[in-house]
Amino acid sequence: MGAENISLKIAFTAGILSFVSPCLLPLIPSYVTYIHIYYA
């Protein structure tokens, strides 16, 4: 049970780090702008 909890935390942290990585960070404003224009 403890090992599963630790691996879940590692996977969650890795997912957040990959989301805020410099490769993806410049795409976020254009994506948000697209969503606002699409649903406006």
Protein backbone atom coordinates (compact mmCIF):
# COMPACT_ATOMS: atom_id res chain seq x y z
CA MET A 1 0.00 0.00 0.00
CA GLY A 2 2.80 2.41 0.85
CA ALA A 3 4.72 1.71 -2.36
CA GLU A 4 1.62 2.37 -4.45
CA ASN A 5 1.09 5.68 -2.69
CA ILE A 6 4.69 6.75 -3.33
CA SER A 7 4.58 5.77 -7.00
CA LEU A 8 1.30 7.67 -7.39
CA LYS A 9 2.90 10.80 -5.91
CA ILE A 10 5.90 10.42 -8.24
CA ALA A 11 3.66 10.00 -11.28
CA PHE A 12 1.54 13.01 -10.28
CA THR A 13 4.64 15.17 -9.72
CA ALA A 14 6.11 14.06 -13.06
CA GLY A 15 2.86 14.96 -14.79
CA ILE A 16 2.87 18.45 -13.30
CA LEU A 17 6.53 18.96 -14.19
CA SER A 18 5.91 17.87 -17.76
CA PHE A 19 2.95 20.26 -17.95
CA VAL A 20 4.94 23.29 -16.80
CA SER A 21 8.09 22.38 -18.72
CA PRO A 22 9.59 25.11 -20.92
CA CYS A 23 8.64 23.16 -24.04
CA LEU A 24 4.92 23.42 -23.25
CA LEU A 25 4.87 26.73 -21.39
CA PRO A 26 4.83 28.98 -24.51
CA LEU A 27 1.79 27.10 -25.85
CA ILE A 28 -0.46 27.82 -22.86
CA PRO A 29 -1.38 31.48 -23.70
CA SER A 30 -2.31 30.60 -27.28
CA TYR A 31 -4.40 27.66 -26.06
CA VAL A 32 -6.21 29.81 -23.51
CA THR A 33 -6.83 32.49 -26.15
CA TYR A 34 -8.20 29.87 -28.54
CA ILE A 35 -10.58 28.56 -25.86
CA HIS A 36 -11.81 32.09 -25.04
CA ILE A 37 -12.41 32.91 -28.71
CA TYR A 38 -14.10 29.56 -29.35
CA TYR A 39 -16.52 29.85 -26.42
CA ALA A 40 -17.09 33.61 -26.63
